[in-house]
């Protein structure tokens, strides 16, 4: 499992210590070409391990022909990502989210 001690601690608290349980809980486990997964929007932020996990998941989705948009939210905390969505003057989260939603709900999408 990737991640520092804090992330590992979070996983063990929630999912226990069995790697098989971790694998079953992982969204990556459930991605396949035949799984009819809708488009994804991911915010890439945090330290190198967290950013790598987002990139790996995005690659897995793309390999399964899932449309994926990755927003570079470097330097933002989790709360910042949420607070910026729709905030006046935001140029990091709101524009790519609106473009993503426009694509998702445009005629002929999906």
N, C-alpha and C. Protein backbone atom coordinates (compact mmCIF):
# COMPACT_ATOMS: atom_id res chain seq x y z
N UNK A 1 0.84 -1.18 0.00
CA UNK A 1 0.00 0.00 0.00
C UNK A 1 0.88 1.23 0.00
N UNK A 2 0.53 2.20 -0.82
CA UNK A 2 1.28 3.45 -0.87
C UNK A 2 0.84 4.34 0.29
N UNK A 3 1.68 5.29 0.60
CA UNK A 3 1.31 6.29 1.57
C UNK A 3 2.19 6.24 2.80
N UNK A 4 2.20 7.33 3.49
CA UNK A 4 2.99 7.42 4.71
C UNK A 4 2.26 6.79 5.87
N UNK A 5 2.85 6.89 7.07
CA UNK A 5 2.27 6.28 8.27
C UNK A 5 0.84 6.73 8.56
N UNK A 6 0.56 8.00 8.31
CA UNK A 6 -0.79 8.51 8.59
C UNK A 6 -1.81 7.83 7.68
N UNK A 7 -1.49 7.70 6.39
CA UNK A 7 -2.42 7.07 5.45
C UNK A 7 -2.58 5.59 5.78
N UNK A 8 -1.49 4.92 6.09
CA UNK A 8 -1.57 3.51 6.46
C UNK A 8 -2.42 3.35 7.72
N UNK A 9 -2.24 4.25 8.69
CA UNK A 9 -3.05 4.21 9.90
C UNK A 9 -4.53 4.38 9.61
N UNK A 10 -4.85 5.26 8.69
CA UNK A 10 -6.25 5.47 8.30
C UNK A 10 -6.82 4.20 7.68
N UNK A 11 -6.05 3.57 6.79
CA UNK A 11 -6.53 2.34 6.15
C UNK A 11 -6.76 1.24 7.18
N UNK A 12 -5.82 1.06 8.09
CA UNK A 12 -5.97 -0.03 9.05
C UNK A 12 -7.13 0.22 10.01
N UNK A 13 -7.38 1.48 10.35
CA UNK A 13 -8.52 1.80 11.20
C UNK A 13 -9.84 1.47 10.51
N UNK A 14 -9.92 1.79 9.22
CA UNK A 14 -11.17 1.62 8.48
C UNK A 14 -11.31 0.21 7.90
N UNK A 15 -10.23 -0.32 7.31
CA UNK A 15 -10.31 -1.57 6.56
C UNK A 15 -9.60 -2.75 7.21
N UNK A 16 -8.99 -2.54 8.38
CA UNK A 16 -8.28 -3.64 9.03
C UNK A 16 -6.88 -3.81 8.45
N UNK A 17 -6.29 -4.94 8.72
CA UNK A 17 -4.90 -5.17 8.33
C UNK A 17 -4.73 -6.19 7.22
N UNK A 18 -5.81 -6.70 6.69
CA UNK A 18 -5.74 -7.73 5.65
C UNK A 18 -5.63 -7.10 4.25
N UNK A 19 -4.51 -7.33 3.57
CA UNK A 19 -4.35 -6.77 2.22
C UNK A 19 -5.45 -7.17 1.24
N UNK A 20 -6.03 -8.37 1.40
CA UNK A 20 -7.13 -8.77 0.51
C UNK A 20 -8.35 -7.87 0.68
N UNK A 21 -8.61 -7.45 1.91
CA UNK A 21 -9.72 -6.53 2.17
C UNK A 21 -9.41 -5.18 1.56
N UNK A 22 -8.16 -4.72 1.69
CA UNK A 22 -7.75 -3.44 1.08
C UNK A 22 -7.97 -3.48 -0.42
N UNK A 23 -7.56 -4.57 -1.04
CA UNK A 23 -7.68 -4.69 -2.50
C UNK A 23 -9.15 -4.66 -2.91
N UNK A 24 -10.01 -5.37 -2.18
CA UNK A 24 -11.43 -5.40 -2.51
C UNK A 24 -12.08 -4.03 -2.33
N UNK A 25 -11.59 -3.25 -1.36
CA UNK A 25 -12.14 -1.92 -1.11
C UNK A 25 -11.62 -0.88 -2.08
N UNK A 26 -10.54 -1.17 -2.76
CA UNK A 26 -9.92 -0.20 -3.66
C UNK A 26 -10.76 0.00 -4.92
N UNK A 27 -11.04 1.24 -5.30
CA UNK A 27 -11.77 1.48 -6.54
C UNK A 27 -11.04 0.92 -7.75
N UNK A 28 -9.73 0.89 -7.71
CA UNK A 28 -8.94 0.38 -8.84
C UNK A 28 -9.29 -1.07 -9.14
N UNK A 29 -9.59 -1.84 -8.11
CA UNK A 29 -9.94 -3.25 -8.28
C UNK A 29 -11.17 -3.42 -9.16
N UNK A 30 -12.04 -2.46 -9.17
CA UNK A 30 -13.34 -2.59 -9.84
C UNK A 30 -13.38 -1.91 -11.21
N UNK A 31 -12.24 -1.48 -11.70
CA UNK A 31 -12.17 -0.82 -13.01
C UNK A 31 -11.84 -1.86 -14.07
N UNK A 32 -12.69 -1.91 -15.08
CA UNK A 32 -12.42 -2.76 -16.24
C UNK A 32 -13.11 -2.15 -17.45
N UNK A 33 -12.70 -2.59 -18.62
CA UNK A 33 -13.28 -2.06 -19.86
C UNK A 33 -14.78 -2.31 -19.90
N UNK A 34 -15.23 -3.41 -19.34
CA UNK A 34 -16.65 -3.79 -19.41
C UNK A 34 -17.49 -3.25 -18.26
N UNK A 35 -16.92 -2.43 -17.39
CA UNK A 35 -17.64 -2.03 -16.19
C UNK A 35 -18.53 -0.80 -16.34
N UNK A 36 -18.56 -0.19 -17.51
CA UNK A 36 -19.45 0.95 -17.79
C UNK A 36 -19.33 2.04 -16.73
N UNK A 37 -18.12 2.49 -16.51
CA UNK A 37 -17.85 3.53 -15.53
C UNK A 37 -18.07 4.90 -16.16
N UNK A 38 -18.79 5.79 -15.50
CA UNK A 38 -19.01 7.13 -16.05
C UNK A 38 -17.71 7.95 -15.99
N UNK A 39 -17.69 9.09 -16.64
CA UNK A 39 -16.51 9.96 -16.58
C UNK A 39 -16.16 10.32 -15.14
N UNK A 40 -14.87 10.53 -14.91
CA UNK A 40 -14.35 10.87 -13.59
C UNK A 40 -13.66 12.21 -13.62
N UNK A 41 -13.79 12.97 -12.54
CA UNK A 41 -13.01 14.18 -12.31
C UNK A 41 -12.23 13.94 -11.02
N UNK A 42 -10.92 14.07 -11.09
CA UNK A 42 -10.06 13.86 -9.93
C UNK A 42 -9.27 15.14 -9.65
N UNK A 43 -9.14 15.48 -8.38
CA UNK A 43 -8.30 16.61 -7.99
C UNK A 43 -6.98 16.04 -7.46
N UNK A 44 -5.88 16.37 -8.14
CA UNK A 44 -4.57 15.89 -7.73
C UNK A 44 -3.95 16.93 -6.80
N UNK A 45 -3.71 16.51 -5.54
CA UNK A 45 -3.17 17.42 -4.55
C UNK A 45 -2.46 16.61 -3.49
N UNK A 46 -1.83 17.29 -2.57
CA UNK A 46 -1.17 16.62 -1.46
C UNK A 46 0.29 16.32 -1.77
N UNK A 47 0.84 15.43 -0.96
CA UNK A 47 2.24 15.06 -1.09
C UNK A 47 2.47 14.11 -2.25
N UNK A 48 3.72 13.77 -2.49
CA UNK A 48 4.06 12.91 -3.63
C UNK A 48 3.32 11.57 -3.64
N UNK A 49 3.16 10.93 -2.48
CA UNK A 49 2.46 9.64 -2.45
C UNK A 49 1.00 9.79 -2.86
N UNK A 50 0.35 10.80 -2.33
CA UNK A 50 -1.07 11.02 -2.67
C UNK A 50 -1.22 11.38 -4.14
N UNK A 51 -0.35 12.23 -4.64
CA UNK A 51 -0.41 12.63 -6.05
C UNK A 51 -0.18 11.42 -6.95
N UNK A 52 0.75 10.56 -6.55
CA UNK A 52 1.03 9.35 -7.32
C UNK A 52 -0.18 8.42 -7.35
N UNK A 53 -0.89 8.32 -6.22
CA UNK A 53 -2.09 7.49 -6.17
C UNK A 53 -3.16 8.00 -7.13
N UNK A 54 -3.32 9.31 -7.19
CA UNK A 54 -4.30 9.91 -8.12
C UNK A 54 -3.88 9.61 -9.56
N UNK A 55 -2.59 9.80 -9.87
CA UNK A 55 -2.12 9.53 -11.23
C UNK A 55 -2.30 8.06 -11.60
N UNK A 56 -1.99 7.16 -10.67
CA UNK A 56 -2.16 5.73 -10.93
C UNK A 56 -3.62 5.39 -11.20
N UNK A 57 -4.52 5.96 -10.40
CA UNK A 57 -5.95 5.70 -10.60
C UNK A 57 -6.41 6.27 -11.94
N UNK A 58 -5.97 7.47 -12.27
CA UNK A 58 -6.32 8.07 -13.56
C UNK A 58 -5.82 7.19 -14.71
N UNK A 59 -4.61 6.68 -14.60
CA UNK A 59 -4.07 5.79 -15.64
C UNK A 59 -4.90 4.52 -15.77
N UNK A 60 -5.32 3.97 -14.63
CA UNK A 60 -6.15 2.76 -14.64
C UNK A 60 -7.47 3.03 -15.35
N UNK A 61 -8.08 4.18 -15.04
CA UNK A 61 -9.33 4.55 -15.70
C UNK A 61 -9.13 4.72 -17.20
N UNK A 62 -8.08 5.43 -17.58
CA UNK A 62 -7.81 5.65 -19.01
C UNK A 62 -7.55 4.33 -19.73
N UNK A 63 -6.84 3.42 -19.08
CA UNK A 63 -6.57 2.11 -19.69
C UNK A 63 -7.86 1.32 -19.92
N UNK A 64 -8.90 1.62 -19.15
CA UNK A 64 -10.20 0.97 -19.31
C UNK A 64 -11.14 1.80 -20.18
N UNK A 65 -10.59 2.78 -20.89
CA UNK A 65 -11.36 3.65 -21.79
C UNK A 65 -12.40 4.50 -21.08
N UNK A 66 -12.09 4.88 -19.84
CA UNK A 66 -12.96 5.77 -19.08
C UNK A 66 -12.42 7.19 -19.27
N UNK A 67 -13.32 8.13 -19.57
CA UNK A 67 -12.93 9.53 -19.67
C UNK A 67 -12.58 10.04 -18.29
N UNK A 68 -11.39 10.62 -18.15
CA UNK A 68 -10.96 11.12 -16.85
C UNK A 68 -10.33 12.49 -17.02
N UNK A 69 -10.71 13.39 -16.13
CA UNK A 69 -10.14 14.73 -16.08
C UNK A 69 -9.41 14.85 -14.74
N UNK A 70 -8.14 15.24 -14.80
CA UNK A 70 -7.36 15.44 -13.58
C UNK A 70 -7.08 16.93 -13.43
N UNK A 71 -7.52 17.49 -12.33
CA UNK A 71 -7.29 18.90 -12.03
C UNK A 71 -6.06 18.99 -11.13
N UNK A 72 -5.09 19.80 -11.54
CA UNK A 72 -3.90 19.99 -10.72
C UNK A 72 -4.24 20.99 -9.61
N UNK A 73 -4.44 20.47 -8.42
CA UNK A 73 -4.79 21.30 -7.25
C UNK A 73 -3.61 21.36 -6.28
N UNK A 74 -2.41 21.34 -6.84
CA UNK A 74 -1.19 21.37 -6.03
C UNK A 74 -1.22 22.58 -5.11
N UNK A 75 -0.84 22.35 -3.87
CA UNK A 75 -0.80 23.44 -2.90
C UNK A 75 -2.10 23.65 -2.16
N UNK A 76 -3.16 22.93 -2.55
CA UNK A 76 -4.45 23.09 -1.88
C UNK A 76 -4.67 21.95 -0.89
N UNK A 77 -5.26 22.29 0.24
CA UNK A 77 -5.71 21.27 1.18
C UNK A 77 -7.05 20.73 0.70
N UNK A 78 -7.47 19.61 1.27
CA UNK A 78 -8.76 19.01 0.90
C UNK A 78 -9.88 20.04 1.05
N UNK A 79 -9.89 20.74 2.16
CA UNK A 79 -10.93 21.75 2.40
C UNK A 79 -10.88 22.86 1.35
N UNK A 80 -9.66 23.26 0.95
CA UNK A 80 -9.52 24.31 -0.06
C UNK A 80 -10.20 23.92 -1.36
N UNK A 81 -10.01 22.67 -1.75
CA UNK A 81 -10.63 22.18 -3.00
C UNK A 81 -12.14 22.38 -2.91
N UNK A 82 -12.72 21.98 -1.80
CA UNK A 82 -14.18 22.10 -1.64
C UNK A 82 -14.64 23.56 -1.59
N UNK A 83 -13.92 24.38 -0.85
CA UNK A 83 -14.31 25.77 -0.66
C UNK A 83 -14.19 26.57 -1.97
N UNK A 84 -13.20 26.25 -2.78
CA UNK A 84 -12.98 27.02 -4.01
C UNK A 84 -14.05 26.77 -5.08
N UNK A 85 -14.69 25.63 -5.04
CA UNK A 85 -15.68 25.32 -6.08
C UNK A 85 -16.81 26.34 -6.02
N UNK A 86 -16.92 27.10 -7.07
CA UNK A 86 -17.95 28.12 -7.19
C UNK A 86 -17.59 29.46 -6.57
N UNK A 87 -16.41 29.55 -5.95
CA UNK A 87 -16.02 30.81 -5.32
C UNK A 87 -15.68 31.85 -6.38
N UNK A 88 -16.05 33.09 -6.11
CA UNK A 88 -15.74 34.19 -7.03
C UNK A 88 -14.24 34.26 -7.24
N UNK A 89 -13.84 34.35 -8.49
CA UNK A 89 -12.43 34.50 -8.83
C UNK A 89 -11.63 33.21 -8.85
N UNK A 90 -12.23 32.07 -8.50
CA UNK A 90 -11.49 30.81 -8.52
C UNK A 90 -11.12 30.43 -9.95
N UNK A 91 -9.86 30.12 -10.14
CA UNK A 91 -9.41 29.70 -11.47
C UNK A 91 -8.83 28.29 -11.46
N UNK A 92 -8.85 27.64 -10.29
CA UNK A 92 -8.26 26.30 -10.18
C UNK A 92 -9.32 25.22 -10.28
N UNK A 93 -10.35 25.28 -9.48
CA UNK A 93 -11.33 24.20 -9.40
C UNK A 93 -12.58 24.42 -10.24
N UNK A 94 -13.14 25.63 -10.16
CA UNK A 94 -14.43 25.86 -10.80
C UNK A 94 -14.40 25.72 -12.32
N UNK A 95 -13.46 26.33 -13.04
CA UNK A 95 -13.50 26.19 -14.50
C UNK A 95 -13.40 24.74 -15.00
N UNK A 96 -12.45 23.92 -14.49
CA UNK A 96 -12.42 22.55 -14.98
C UNK A 96 -13.65 21.73 -14.55
N UNK A 97 -14.19 22.04 -13.38
CA UNK A 97 -15.40 21.34 -12.95
C UNK A 97 -16.58 21.69 -13.86
N UNK A 98 -16.74 22.96 -14.20
CA UNK A 98 -17.84 23.36 -15.07
C UNK A 98 -17.69 22.76 -16.47
N UNK A 99 -16.47 22.73 -16.99
CA UNK A 99 -16.23 22.10 -18.29
C UNK A 99 -16.55 20.60 -18.23
N UNK A 100 -16.13 19.95 -17.16
CA UNK A 100 -16.42 18.52 -16.96
C UNK A 100 -17.94 18.28 -16.94
N UNK A 101 -18.66 19.08 -16.17
CA UNK A 101 -20.12 18.92 -16.08
C UNK A 101 -20.79 19.21 -17.42
N UNK A 102 -20.32 20.25 -18.12
CA UNK A 102 -20.88 20.54 -19.44
C UNK A 102 -20.73 19.34 -20.37
N UNK A 103 -19.55 18.71 -20.33
CA UNK A 103 -19.31 17.53 -21.18
C UNK A 103 -20.19 16.36 -20.76
N UNK A 104 -20.36 16.18 -19.44
CA UNK A 104 -21.17 15.07 -18.94
C UNK A 104 -22.64 15.21 -19.33
N UNK A 105 -23.14 16.45 -19.32
CA UNK A 105 -24.57 16.66 -19.54
C UNK A 105 -24.92 17.22 -20.91
N UNK A 106 -23.94 17.28 -21.79
CA UNK A 106 -24.24 17.77 -23.13
C UNK A 106 -24.98 16.69 -23.90
N UNK A 107 -25.84 17.10 -24.85
CA UNK A 107 -26.57 16.11 -25.66
C UNK A 107 -25.58 15.16 -26.34
N UNK A 108 -25.91 13.90 -26.28
CA UNK A 108 -25.07 12.89 -26.92
C UNK A 108 -23.96 12.37 -26.04
N UNK A 109 -23.80 12.91 -24.83
CA UNK A 109 -22.76 12.38 -23.95
C UNK A 109 -23.26 11.12 -23.28
N UNK A 110 -22.31 10.28 -22.86
CA UNK A 110 -22.64 9.08 -22.11
C UNK A 110 -23.34 8.11 -22.94
